[in-house]
Amino acid sequence: MMCPLDYFLYHNLDHNAINCSAHIDRGVLICISLTNVQGLEILSNESNEWVCPEDLSVLEGFHSEIEAGCSDLLCILSGDQLLKIVKKEVDPKDLVLEDDCPGLVACIHRVRQRLKRARLSISYELRLP
């Protein structure tokens, strides 16, 4: 059995190397702790542009300066398994989502190529059995 809690260290040693390319996680929901190193980017369904949750937390006044590591803020992403639920691959009577759930999509995200320094990312992935 795989542990749903994971961590990733992006060393940022080579500014030409990709830290983490665009992808969709396979869980239902993925919780990623925001850090003091901006780098997580989410593809906006509306604008088709990459958005950084750490930047948004500063703009919205949620950010509190931390010395190092993860903050007390989480970014919650929808995963591949949620998309399968929405597409009715799971018995509809088991759904607890709103009637407008067909608008939900799995979240495409990445870690930007150039970081200010190394980034530690801690995530928890809720998965269906």
Protein backbone atom coordinates (compact mmCIF):
# COMPACT_ATOMS: atom_id res chain seq x y z
CA MET A 1 0.00 0.00 0.00
CA MET A 2 1.31 3.43 -0.95
CA CYS A 3 1.48 6.22 1.60
CA PRO A 4 -0.73 9.18 0.58
CA LEU A 5 1.70 11.61 2.28
CA ASP A 6 4.70 12.56 0.19
CA TYR A 7 7.40 15.18 -0.08
CA PHE A 8 9.43 16.49 -2.98
CA LEU A 9 12.64 18.50 -2.87
CA TYR A 10 13.37 20.59 -5.94
CA HIS A 11 17.06 21.46 -5.71
CA ASN A 12 17.03 24.11 -8.43
CA LEU A 13 20.68 23.44 -9.25
CA ASP A 14 20.31 23.77 -13.02
CA HIS A 15 18.21 26.74 -14.19
CA ASN A 16 17.65 25.01 -17.55
CA ALA A 17 16.31 21.79 -16.04
CA ILE A 18 12.59 21.21 -15.53
CA ASN A 19 11.75 20.90 -11.82
CA CYS A 20 8.42 19.16 -12.39
CA SER A 21 6.61 19.20 -15.74
CA ALA A 22 2.89 19.82 -16.14
CA HIS A 23 0.82 16.85 -14.93
CA ILE A 24 -2.37 15.69 -13.20
CA ASP A 25 -2.16 13.72 -9.95
CA ARG A 26 -4.23 10.55 -9.80
CA GLY A 27 -6.03 11.04 -6.48
CA VAL A 28 -9.47 12.53 -5.82
CA LEU A 29 -8.12 15.54 -3.93
CA ILE A 30 -4.51 16.60 -3.41
CA CYS A 31 -3.48 18.94 -0.58
CA ILE A 32 -0.17 20.74 -1.09
CA SER A 33 1.38 22.86 1.64
CA LEU A 34 2.33 26.29 0.34
CA THR A 35 5.92 27.33 1.03
CA ASN A 36 8.09 30.40 1.27
CA VAL A 37 9.56 29.55 -2.16
CA GLN A 38 7.06 30.39 -4.89
CA GLY A 39 7.08 27.67 -7.50
CA LEU A 40 3.85 25.67 -7.63
CA GLU A 41 1.86 26.72 -10.69
CA ILE A 42 -1.69 25.76 -11.63
CA LEU A 43 -3.10 26.04 -15.14
CA SER A 44 -6.19 28.27 -15.02
CA ASN A 45 -9.19 26.82 -16.86
CA GLU A 46 -10.50 30.34 -17.49
CA SER A 47 -7.41 32.15 -18.79
CA ASN A 48 -5.27 29.16 -19.82
CA GLU A 49 -2.36 30.85 -17.97
CA TRP A 50 -0.17 29.51 -15.17
CA VAL A 51 -1.10 30.87 -11.72
CA CYS A 52 1.06 30.60 -8.57
CA PRO A 53 -0.99 29.96 -5.36
CA GLU A 54 1.80 31.41 -3.18
CA ASP A 55 1.59 34.67 -5.16
CA LEU A 56 -2.22 34.69 -4.78
CA SER A 57 -1.92 34.15 -1.00
CA VAL A 58 0.25 37.29 -0.78
CA LEU A 59 -2.15 39.33 -2.96
CA GLU A 60 -5.17 38.24 -0.90
CA GLY A 61 -3.45 38.95 2.42
CA PHE A 62 -3.42 35.31 3.60
CA HIS A 63 0.36 35.02 3.49
CA SER A 64 2.37 35.43 6.68
CA GLU A 65 6.13 35.62 6.34
CA ILE A 66 7.83 32.41 7.44
CA GLU A 67 11.53 31.86 7.82
CA ALA A 68 11.82 28.53 6.03
CA GLY A 69 9.76 25.60 4.83
CA CYS A 70 6.01 25.13 4.61
CA SER A 71 3.38 27.63 5.71
CA ASP A 72 0.04 26.97 7.38
CA LEU A 73 -1.76 27.38 4.03
CA LEU A 74 -2.85 24.52 1.77
CA CYS A 75 -3.66 24.43 -1.91
CA ILE A 76 -6.30 21.78 -2.64
CA LEU A 77 -6.29 20.39 -6.17
CA SER A 78 -8.74 18.11 -7.95
CA GLY A 79 -7.18 14.91 -9.27
CA ASP A 80 -7.74 12.33 -11.98
CA GLN A 81 -9.99 10.16 -9.82
CA LEU A 82 -12.34 13.11 -9.25
CA LEU A 83 -12.63 13.51 -13.02
CA LYS A 84 -13.61 9.82 -13.27
CA ILE A 85 -16.32 10.35 -10.64
CA VAL A 86 -17.65 13.35 -12.56
CA LYS A 87 -17.74 11.33 -15.78
CA LYS A 88 -20.02 8.89 -13.95
CA GLU A 89 -17.55 6.01 -13.86
CA VAL A 90 -18.68 5.62 -10.26
CA ASP A 91 -22.31 4.78 -9.46
CA PRO A 92 -24.18 8.15 -9.49
CA LYS A 93 -26.04 7.30 -6.27
CA ASP A 94 -22.66 7.38 -4.48
CA LEU A 95 -21.90 10.96 -5.59
CA VAL A 96 -21.96 13.68 -2.95
CA LEU A 97 -21.01 16.50 -5.32
CA GLU A 98 -23.36 19.28 -6.43
CA ASP A 99 -25.54 18.87 -9.52
CA ASP A 100 -23.17 21.11 -11.48
CA CYS A 101 -20.23 18.73 -10.96
CA PRO A 102 -19.70 18.17 -14.72
CA GLY A 103 -17.89 21.55 -14.69
CA LEU A 104 -15.16 20.11 -12.48
CA VAL A 105 -11.91 19.14 -14.15
CA ALA A 106 -8.69 17.61 -12.92
CA CYS A 107 -6.09 20.24 -12.06
CA ILE A 108 -3.00 20.52 -14.26
CA HIS A 109 -0.04 21.78 -12.26
CA ARG A 110 3.75 21.99 -12.33
CA VAL A 111 6.73 23.47 -10.50
CA ARG A 112 8.19 26.43 -12.36
CA GLN A 113 11.57 26.05 -13.96
CA ARG A 114 13.45 28.81 -12.18
CA LEU A 115 13.13 29.02 -8.41
CA LYS A 116 14.75 31.52 -6.04
CA ARG A 117 16.24 28.60 -4.09
CA ALA A 118 15.50 24.95 -3.31
CA ARG A 119 11.82 24.18 -2.67
CA LEU A 120 10.37 21.55 -0.33
CA SER A 121 6.83 20.50 -1.20
CA ILE A 122 4.70 18.33 1.11
CA SER A 123 1.50 16.82 -0.25
CA TYR A 124 -1.31 14.52 0.82
CA GLU A 125 -3.30 12.64 -1.82
CA LEU A 126 -6.81 11.33 -1.07
CA ARG A 127 -7.40 8.27 -3.26
CA LEU A 128 -10.29 5.94 -3.93
CA PRO A 129 -9.63 2.26 -3.20
